[in-house]
């Protein structure tokens, strides 16, 4: 692909038609910018997905810890209830 553009560039330069070469050069620059922008967008999307997966993992861990604490508190409440029944 690069060699094709190189041949086109050489042909336009050797033909002496500056206008056509400049139009070609501007088109090539715009194409390169578009490809670069797409690559940057893909990088940002990949980074976003990584952050989302990390947040999901952290939330799942937090929920598991919270459920463990609730279970422990429920166990303590059951023991307190048992002690209340014994003391009555």
PDB file of N, CA and C in Angstrom:
ATOM      1  N   UNK A   1       0.828  -1.182   0.000  1.00  0.00           N
ATOM      2  CA  UNK A   1       0.000   0.000   0.000  1.00  0.00           C
ATOM      3  C   UNK A   1       0.875   1.249   0.000  1.00  0.00           C
ATOM      4  N   UNK A   2       1.925   1.231   0.845  1.00  0.00           N
ATOM      5  CA  UNK A   2       2.815   2.388   0.921  1.00  0.00           C
ATOM      6  C   UNK A   2       3.551   2.568  -0.409  1.00  0.00           C
ATOM      7  N   UNK A   3       3.963   1.451  -1.037  1.00  0.00           N
ATOM      8  CA  UNK A   3       4.658   1.564  -2.319  1.00  0.00           C
ATOM      9  C   UNK A   3       3.738   2.134  -3.394  1.00  0.00           C
ATOM     10  N   UNK A   4       2.452   1.805  -3.332  1.00  0.00           N
ATOM     11  CA  UNK A   4       1.491   2.362  -4.285  1.00  0.00           C
ATOM     12  C   UNK A   4       1.429   3.879  -4.140  1.00  0.00           C
ATOM     13  N   UNK A   5       1.332   4.361  -2.911  1.00  0.00           N
ATOM     14  CA  UNK A   5       1.309   5.809  -2.690  1.00  0.00           C
ATOM     15  C   UNK A   5       2.632   6.444  -3.117  1.00  0.00           C
ATOM     16  N   UNK A   6       3.720   5.748  -2.876  1.00  0.00           N
ATOM     17  CA  UNK A   6       5.025   6.252  -3.296  1.00  0.00           C
ATOM     18  C   UNK A   6       5.107   6.402  -4.812  1.00  0.00           C
ATOM     19  N   UNK A   7       4.589   5.412  -5.538  1.00  0.00           N
ATOM     20  CA  UNK A   7       4.587   5.484  -7.004  1.00  0.00           C
ATOM     21  C   UNK A   7       3.709   6.631  -7.494  1.00  0.00           C
ATOM     22  N   UNK A   8       2.541   6.781  -6.878  1.00  0.00           N
ATOM     23  CA  UNK A   8       1.652   7.879  -7.269  1.00  0.00           C
ATOM     24  C   UNK A   8       2.345   9.214  -7.022  1.00  0.00           C
ATOM     25  N   UNK A   9       2.983   9.339  -5.880  1.00  0.00           N
ATOM     26  CA  UNK A   9       3.682  10.579  -5.531  1.00  0.00           C
ATOM     27  C   UNK A   9       4.784  10.874  -6.546  1.00  0.00           C
ATOM     28  N   UNK A  10       5.588   9.872  -6.856  1.00  0.00           N
ATOM     29  CA  UNK A  10       6.671  10.059  -7.820  1.00  0.00           C
ATOM     30  C   UNK A  10       6.142  10.460  -9.193  1.00  0.00           C
ATOM     31  N   UNK A  11       5.063   9.829  -9.605  1.00  0.00           N
ATOM     32  CA  UNK A  11       4.469  10.130 -10.913  1.00  0.00           C
ATOM     33  C   UNK A  11       3.977  11.574 -10.953  1.00  0.00           C
ATOM     34  N   UNK A  12       3.325  12.014  -9.880  1.00  0.00           N
ATOM     35  CA  UNK A  12       2.816  13.383  -9.851  1.00  0.00           C
ATOM     36  C   UNK A  12       3.954  14.404  -9.815  1.00  0.00           C
ATOM     37  N   UNK A  13       5.013  14.100  -9.073  1.00  0.00           N
ATOM     38  CA  UNK A  13       6.155  15.015  -8.988  1.00  0.00           C
ATOM     39  C   UNK A  13       6.844  15.109 -10.347  1.00  0.00           C
ATOM     40  N   UNK A  14       7.062  13.956 -10.975  1.00  0.00           N
ATOM     41  CA  UNK A  14       7.776  13.957 -12.255  1.00  0.00           C
ATOM     42  C   UNK A  14       6.957  14.576 -13.379  1.00  0.00           C
ATOM     43  N   UNK A  15       5.621  14.555 -13.247  1.00  0.00           N
ATOM     44  CA  UNK A  15       4.789  15.136 -14.310  1.00  0.00           C
ATOM     45  C   UNK A  15       4.842  16.658 -14.294  1.00  0.00           C
ATOM     46  N   UNK A  16       5.294  17.239 -13.209  1.00  0.00           N
ATOM     47  CA  UNK A  16       5.417  18.690 -13.121  1.00  0.00           C
ATOM     48  C   UNK A  16       4.110  19.386 -12.808  1.00  0.00           C
ATOM     49  N   UNK A  17       3.080  18.639 -12.506  1.00  0.00           N
ATOM     50  CA  UNK A  17       1.788  19.241 -12.193  1.00  0.00           C
ATOM     51  C   UNK A  17       1.703  19.452 -10.682  1.00  0.00           C
ATOM     52  N   UNK A  18       2.097  20.620 -10.245  1.00  0.00           N
ATOM     53  CA  UNK A  18       2.160  20.931  -8.816  1.00  0.00           C
ATOM     54  C   UNK A  18       0.790  20.897  -8.163  1.00  0.00           C
ATOM     55  N   UNK A  19      -0.210  21.381  -8.854  1.00  0.00           N
ATOM     56  CA  UNK A  19      -1.568  21.421  -8.295  1.00  0.00           C
ATOM     57  C   UNK A  19      -2.061  20.021  -7.949  1.00  0.00           C
ATOM     58  N   UNK A  20      -1.913  19.088  -8.886  1.00  0.00           N
ATOM     59  CA  UNK A  20      -2.357  17.716  -8.632  1.00  0.00           C
ATOM     60  C   UNK A  20      -1.562  17.077  -7.498  1.00  0.00           C
ATOM     61  N   UNK A  21      -0.257  17.358  -7.458  1.00  0.00           N
ATOM     62  CA  UNK A  21       0.557  16.801  -6.375  1.00  0.00           C
ATOM     63  C   UNK A  21       0.110  17.345  -5.022  1.00  0.00           C
ATOM     64  N   UNK A  22      -0.159  18.657  -4.958  1.00  0.00           N
ATOM     65  CA  UNK A  22      -0.604  19.254  -3.690  1.00  0.00           C
ATOM     66  C   UNK A  22      -1.954  18.684  -3.255  1.00  0.00           C
ATOM     67  N   UNK A  23      -2.859  18.486  -4.213  1.00  0.00           N
ATOM     68  CA  UNK A  23      -4.156  17.865  -3.878  1.00  0.00           C
ATOM     69  C   UNK A  23      -3.947  16.451  -3.345  1.00  0.00           C
ATOM     70  N   UNK A  24      -3.053  15.706  -4.004  1.00  0.00           N
ATOM     71  CA  UNK A  24      -2.742  14.361  -3.547  1.00  0.00           C
ATOM     72  C   UNK A  24      -2.158  14.401  -2.136  1.00  0.00           C
ATOM     73  N   UNK A  25      -1.208  15.312  -1.904  1.00  0.00           N
ATOM     74  CA  UNK A  25      -0.542  15.407  -0.609  1.00  0.00           C
ATOM     75  C   UNK A  25      -1.549  15.736   0.494  1.00  0.00           C
ATOM     76  N   UNK A  26      -2.465  16.672   0.222  1.00  0.00           N
ATOM     77  CA  UNK A  26      -3.485  17.025   1.217  1.00  0.00           C
ATOM     78  C   UNK A  26      -4.376  15.815   1.501  1.00  0.00           C
ATOM     79  N   UNK A  27      -4.758  15.093   0.465  1.00  0.00           N
ATOM     80  CA  UNK A  27      -5.574  13.887   0.654  1.00  0.00           C
ATOM     81  C   UNK A  27      -4.862  12.840   1.482  1.00  0.00           C
ATOM     82  N   UNK A  28      -3.568  12.669   1.218  1.00  0.00           N
ATOM     83  CA  UNK A  28      -2.790  11.695   1.979  1.00  0.00           C
ATOM     84  C   UNK A  28      -2.691  12.105   3.451  1.00  0.00           C
ATOM     85  N   UNK A  29      -2.507  13.387   3.696  1.00  0.00           N
ATOM     86  CA  UNK A  29      -2.429  13.885   5.076  1.00  0.00           C
ATOM     87  C   UNK A  29      -3.758  13.682   5.785  1.00  0.00           C
ATOM     88  N   UNK A  30      -4.854  13.998   5.096  1.00  0.00           N
ATOM     89  CA  UNK A  30      -6.181  13.815   5.713  1.00  0.00           C
ATOM     90  C   UNK A  30      -6.443  12.348   6.024  1.00  0.00           C
ATOM     91  N   UNK A  31      -6.037  11.477   5.131  1.00  0.00           N
ATOM     92  CA  UNK A  31      -6.206  10.037   5.366  1.00  0.00           C
ATOM     93  C   UNK A  31      -5.389   9.594   6.579  1.00  0.00           C
ATOM     94  N   UNK A  32      -4.143  10.073   6.666  1.00  0.00           N
ATOM     95  CA  UNK A  32      -3.292   9.716   7.807  1.00  0.00           C
ATOM     96  C   UNK A  32      -3.890  10.225   9.113  1.00  0.00           C
ATOM     97  N   UNK A  33      -4.438  11.446   9.095  1.00  0.00           N
ATOM     98  CA  UNK A  33      -5.070  11.984  10.306  1.00  0.00           C
ATOM     99  C   UNK A  33      -6.294  11.171  10.708  1.00  0.00           C
ATOM    100  N   UNK A  34      -7.077  10.759   9.723  1.00  0.00           N
ATOM    101  CA  UNK A  34      -8.265   9.960  10.014  1.00  0.00           C
ATOM    102  C   UNK A  34      -7.872   8.610  10.637  1.00  0.00           C
ATOM    103  N   UNK A  35      -6.849   7.989  10.084  1.00  0.00           N
ATOM    104  CA  UNK A  35      -6.385   6.706  10.632  1.00  0.00           C
ATOM    105  C   UNK A  35      -5.855   6.906  12.047  1.00  0.00           C
ATOM    106  N   UNK A  36      -5.100   7.975  12.265  1.00  0.00           N
ATOM    107  CA  UNK A  36      -4.567   8.260  13.596  1.00  0.00           C
ATOM    108  C   UNK A  36      -5.699   8.499  14.597  1.00  0.00           C
ATOM    109  N   UNK A  37      -6.705   9.263  14.184  1.00  0.00           N
ATOM    110  CA  UNK A  37      -7.842   9.528  15.076  1.00  0.00           C
ATOM    111  C   UNK A  37      -8.575   8.241  15.436  1.00  0.00           C
ATOM    112  N   UNK A  38      -8.733   7.360  14.460  1.00  0.00           N
ATOM    113  CA  UNK A  38      -9.406   6.085  14.718  1.00  0.00           C
ATOM    114  C   UNK A  38      -8.591   5.238  15.695  1.00  0.00           C
ATOM    115  N   UNK A  39      -7.268   5.236  15.517  1.00  0.00           N
ATOM    116  CA  UNK A  39      -6.406   4.470  16.425  1.00  0.00           C
ATOM    117  C   UNK A  39      -6.478   5.028  17.848  1.00  0.00           C
ATOM    118  N   UNK A  40      -6.484   6.347  17.982  1.00  0.00           N
ATOM    119  CA  UNK A  40      -6.586   6.965  19.305  1.00  0.00           C
ATOM    120  C   UNK A  40      -7.921   6.626  19.956  1.00  0.00           C
ATOM    121  N   UNK A  41      -8.990   6.652  19.174  1.00  0.00           N
ATOM    122  CA  UNK A  41     -10.306   6.299  19.698  1.00  0.00           C
ATOM    123  C   UNK A  41     -10.328   4.850  20.171  1.00  0.00           C
ATOM    124  N   UNK A  42      -9.703   3.956  19.401  1.00  0.00           N
ATOM    125  CA  UNK A  42      -9.638   2.543  19.799  1.00  0.00           C
ATOM    126  C   UNK A  42      -8.854   2.373  21.098  1.00  0.00           C
ATOM    127  N   UNK A  43      -7.766   3.135  21.262  1.00  0.00           N
ATOM    128  CA  UNK A  43      -6.982   3.064  22.498  1.00  0.00           C
ATOM    129  C   UNK A  43      -7.812   3.529  23.688  1.00  0.00           C
ATOM    130  N   UNK A  44      -8.544   4.636  23.505  1.00  0.00           N
ATOM    131  CA  UNK A  44      -9.377   5.150  24.599  1.00  0.00           C
ATOM    132  C   UNK A  44     -10.471   4.155  24.957  1.00  0.00           C
ATOM    133  N   UNK A  45     -11.051   3.531  23.952  1.00  0.00           N
ATOM    134  CA  UNK A  45     -12.101   2.529  24.199  1.00  0.00           C
ATOM    135  C   UNK A  45     -11.532   1.346  24.982  1.00  0.00           C
ATOM    136  N   UNK A  46     -10.344   0.902  24.612  1.00  0.00           N
ATOM    137  CA  UNK A  46      -9.710  -0.223  25.319  1.00  0.00           C
ATOM    138  C   UNK A  46      -9.419   0.158  26.766  1.00  0.00           C
ATOM    139  N   UNK A  47      -8.945   1.376  26.984  1.00  0.00           N
ATOM    140  CA  UNK A  47      -8.672   1.846  28.343  1.00  0.00           C
ATOM    141  C   UNK A  47      -9.962   1.918  29.149  1.00  0.00           C
ATOM    142  N   UNK A  48     -11.015   2.422  28.526  1.00  0.00           N
ATOM    143  CA  UNK A  48     -12.315   2.506  29.209  1.00  0.00           C
ATOM    144  C   UNK A  48     -12.813   1.122  29.607  1.00  0.00           C
ATOM    145  N   UNK A  49     -12.677   0.170  28.698  1.00  0.00           N
ATOM    146  CA  UNK A  49     -13.117  -1.195  28.998  1.00  0.00           C
ATOM    147  C   UNK A  49     -12.315  -1.790  30.155  1.00  0.00           C
ATOM    148  N   UNK A  50     -11.021  -1.503  30.192  1.00  0.00           N
ATOM    149  CA  UNK A  50     -10.184  -1.987  31.290  1.00  0.00           C
ATOM    150  C   UNK A  50     -10.647  -1.390  32.610  1.00  0.00           C
ATOM    151  N   UNK A  51     -10.939  -0.098  32.615  1.00  0.00           N
ATOM    152  CA  UNK A  51     -11.411   0.554  33.838  1.00  0.00           C
ATOM    153  C   UNK A  51     -12.769  -0.001  34.270  1.00  0.00           C
ATOM    154  N   UNK A  52     -13.641  -0.241  33.324  1.00  0.00           N
ATOM    155  CA  UNK A  52     -14.969  -0.797  33.641  1.00  0.00           C
ATOM    156  C   UNK A  52     -14.829  -2.185  34.253  1.00  0.00           C
ATOM    157  N   UNK A  53     -13.961  -3.019  33.674  1.00  0.00           N
ATOM    158  CA  UNK A  53     -13.751  -4.362  34.241  1.00  0.00           C
ATOM    159  C   UNK A  53     -13.177  -4.276  35.652  1.00  0.00           C
ATOM    160  N   UNK A  54     -12.273  -3.336  35.872  1.00  0.00           N
ATOM    161  CA  UNK A  54     -11.679  -3.150  37.198  1.00  0.00           C
ATOM    162  C   UNK A  54     -12.740  -2.702  38.203  1.00  0.00           C
ATOM    163  N   UNK A  55     -13.568  -1.747  37.799  1.00  0.00           N
ATOM    164  CA  UNK A  55     -14.646  -1.290  38.686  1.00  0.00           C
ATOM    165  C   UNK A  55     -15.619  -2.415  39.013  1.00  0.00           C
ATOM    166  N   UNK A  56     -15.948  -3.214  38.006  1.00  0.00           N
ATOM    167  CA  UNK A  56     -16.863  -4.339  38.226  1.00  0.00           C
ATOM    168  C   UNK A  56     -16.274  -5.316  39.235  1.00  0.00           C
ATOM    169  N   UNK A  57     -15.006  -5.618  39.074  1.00  0.00           N
ATOM    170  CA  UNK A  57     -14.335  -6.530  39.994  1.00  0.00           C
ATOM    171  C   UNK A  57     -14.311  -5.960  41.411  1.00  0.00           C
ATOM    172  N   UNK A  58     -13.991  -4.665  41.527  1.00  0.00           N
ATOM    173  CA  UNK A  58     -13.968  -4.022  42.846  1.00  0.00           C
ATOM    174  C   UNK A  58     -15.348  -4.042  43.494  1.00  0.00           C
ATOM    175  N   UNK A  59     -16.382  -3.760  42.706  1.00  0.00           N
ATOM    176  CA  UNK A  59     -17.743  -3.770  43.253  1.00  0.00           C
ATOM    177  C   UNK A  59     -18.153  -5.173  43.701  1.00  0.00           C
ATOM    178  N   UNK A  60     -17.798  -6.174  42.916  1.00  0.00           N
ATOM    179  CA  UNK A  60     -18.134  -7.542  43.303  1.00  0.00           C
ATOM    180  C   UNK A  60     -17.425  -7.920  44.603  1.00  0.00           C
ATOM    181  N   UNK A  61     -16.185  -7.499  44.741  1.00  0.00           N
ATOM    182  CA  UNK A  61     -15.440  -7.764  45.972  1.00  0.00           C
ATOM    183  C   UNK A  61     -16.074  -7.029  47.155  1.00  0.00           C
ATOM    184  N   UNK A  62     -16.465  -5.775  46.946  1.00  0.00           N
ATOM    185  CA  UNK A  62     -17.104  -5.000  48.013  1.00  0.00           C
ATOM    186  C   UNK A  62     -18.434  -5.622  48.432  1.00  0.00           C
ATOM    187  N   UNK A  63     -19.210  -6.087  47.469  1.00  0.00           N
ATOM    188  CA  UNK A  63     -20.495  -6.729  47.785  1.00  0.00           C
ATOM    189  C   UNK A  63     -20.263  -8.002  48.586  1.00  0.00           C
ATOM    190  N   UNK A  64     -19.256  -8.794  48.183  1.00  0.00           N
ATOM    191  CA  UNK A  64     -18.957 -10.034  48.916  1.00  0.00           C
ATOM    192  C   UNK A  64     -18.544  -9.722  50.348  1.00  0.00           C
ATOM    193  N   UNK A  65     -17.707  -8.689  50.535  1.00  0.00           N
ATOM    194  CA  UNK A  65     -17.289  -8.305  51.886  1.00  0.00           C
ATOM    195  C   UNK A  65     -18.470  -7.799  52.697  1.00  0.00           C
ATOM    196  N   UNK A  66     -19.334  -7.016  52.074  1.00  0.00           N
ATOM    197  CA  UNK A  66     -20.518  -6.496  52.762  1.00  0.00           C
ATOM    198  C   UNK A  66     -21.429  -7.648  53.199  1.00  0.00           C
ATOM    199  N   UNK A  67     -21.650  -8.607  52.311  1.00  0.00           N
ATOM    200  CA  UNK A  67     -22.500  -9.749  52.650  1.00  0.00           C
ATOM    201  C   UNK A  67     -21.893 -10.562  53.785  1.00  0.00           C
ATOM    202  N   UNK A  68     -20.574 -10.680  53.787  1.00  0.00           N
ATOM    203  CA  UNK A  68     -19.894 -11.406  54.863  1.00  0.00           C
ATOM    204  C   UNK A  68     -20.091 -10.680  56.194  1.00  0.00           C
ATOM    205  N   UNK A  69     -19.987  -9.359  56.179  1.00  0.00           N
ATOM    206  CA  UNK A  69     -20.192  -8.581  57.410  1.00  0.00           C
ATOM    207  C   UNK A  69     -21.641  -8.674  57.887  1.00  0.00           C
ATOM    208  N   UNK A  70     -22.579  -8.627  56.962  1.00  0.00           N
ATOM    209  CA  UNK A  70     -23.992  -8.748  57.338  1.00  0.00           C
ATOM    210  C   UNK A  70     -24.252 -10.116  57.959  1.00  0.00           C
ATOM    211  N   UNK A  71     -23.667 -11.149  57.368  1.00  0.00           N
ATOM    212  CA  UNK A  71     -23.839 -12.500  57.918  1.00  0.00           C
ATOM    213  C   UNK A  71     -23.279 -12.577  59.332  1.00  0.00           C
ATOM    214  N   UNK A  72     -22.090 -11.965  59.535  1.00  0.00           N
ATOM    215  CA  UNK A  72     -21.495 -11.954  60.877  1.00  0.00           C
ATOM    216  C   UNK A  72     -22.365 -11.200  61.872  1.00  0.00           C
ATOM    217  N   UNK A  73     -22.916 -10.081  61.449  1.00  0.00           N
ATOM    218  CA  UNK A  73     -23.797  -9.317  62.339  1.00  0.00           C
ATOM    219  C   UNK A  73     -25.072 -10.084  62.655  1.00  0.00           C
ATOM    220  N   UNK A  74     -25.615 -10.779  61.671  1.00  0.00           N
ATOM    221  CA  UNK A  74     -26.816 -11.590  61.918  1.00  0.00           C
ATOM    222  C   UNK A  74     -26.521 -12.710  62.911  1.00  0.00           C
ATOM    223  N   UNK A  75     -25.336 -13.287  62.811  1.00  0.00           N
ATOM    224  CA  UNK A  75     -24.940 -14.326  63.764  1.00  0.00           C
ATOM    225  C   UNK A  75     -24.852 -13.745  65.173  1.00  0.00           C
ATOM    226  N   UNK A  76     -24.261 -12.555  65.287  1.00  0.00           N
ATOM    227  CA  UNK A  76     -24.156 -11.904  66.595  1.00  0.00           C
ATOM    228  C   UNK A  76     -25.537 -11.564  67.150  1.00  0.00           C
ATOM    229  N   UNK A  77     -26.434 -11.092  66.288  1.00  0.00           N
ATOM    230  CA  UNK A  77     -27.798 -10.790  66.744  1.00  0.00           C
ATOM    231  C   UNK A  77     -28.509 -12.054  67.225  1.00  0.00           C
ATOM    232  N   UNK A  78     -28.305 -13.157  66.537  1.00  0.00           N
ATOM    233  CA  UNK A  78     -28.928 -14.410  66.957  1.00  0.00           C
ATOM    234  C   UNK A  78     -28.391 -14.838  68.321  1.00  0.00           C
ATOM    235  N   UNK A  79     -27.111 -14.656  68.558  1.00  0.00           N
ATOM    236  CA  UNK A  79     -26.526 -14.985  69.859  1.00  0.00           C
ATOM    237  C   UNK A  79     -27.083 -14.082  70.956  1.00  0.00           C
ATOM    238  N   UNK A  80     -27.222 -12.812  70.637  1.00  0.00           N
ATOM    239  CA  UNK A  80     -27.783 -11.873  71.623  1.00  0.00           C
ATOM    240  C   UNK A  80     -29.218 -12.270  71.952  1.00  0.00           C
ATOM    241  N   UNK A  81     -29.991 -12.625  70.939  1.00  0.00           N
ATOM    242  CA  UNK A  81     -31.365 -13.071  71.169  1.00  0.00           C
ATOM    243  C   UNK A  81     -31.407 -14.317  72.059  1.00  0.00           C
ATOM    244  N   UNK A  82     -30.470 -15.236  71.805  1.00  0.00           N
ATOM    245  CA  UNK A  82     -30.401 -16.454  72.627  1.00  0.00           C
ATOM    246  C   UNK A  82     -30.064 -16.113  74.078  1.00  0.00           C
ATOM    247  N   UNK A  83     -29.122 -15.197  74.265  1.00  0.00           N
ATOM    248  CA  UNK A  83     -28.767 -14.781  75.625  1.00  0.00           C
ATOM    249  C   UNK A  83     -29.949 -14.107  76.317  1.00  0.00           C
ATOM    250  N   UNK A  84     -30.688 -13.292  75.577  1.00  0.00           N
ATOM    251  CA  UNK A  84     -31.875 -12.631  76.155  1.00  0.00           C
ATOM    252  C   UNK A  84     -32.887 -13.664  76.614  1.00  0.00           C
ATOM    253  N   UNK A  85     -33.074 -14.703  75.824  1.00  0.00           N
ATOM    254  CA  UNK A  85     -34.012 -15.741  76.182  1.00  0.00           C
ATOM    255  C   UNK A  85     -33.556 -16.497  77.435  1.00  0.00           C
ATOM    256  N   UNK A  86     -32.268 -16.719  77.534  1.00  0.00           N
ATOM    257  CA  UNK A  86     -31.733 -17.420  78.715  1.00  0.00           C
ATOM    258  C   UNK A  86     -31.887 -16.550  79.952  1.00  0.00           C
ATOM    259  N   UNK A  87     -31.653 -15.257  79.824  1.00  0.00           N
ATOM    260  CA  UNK A  87     -31.678 -14.351  80.969  1.00  0.00           C
ATOM    261  C   UNK A  87     -33.100 -14.021  81.424  1.00  0.00           C
ATOM    262  N   UNK A  88     -34.104 -14.262  80.650  1.00  0.00           N
ATOM    263  CA  UNK A  88     -35.489 -13.949  81.061  1.00  0.00           C
ATOM    264  C   UNK A  88     -36.025 -14.894  82.036  1.00  0.00           C
TER     265      UNK A  88
END
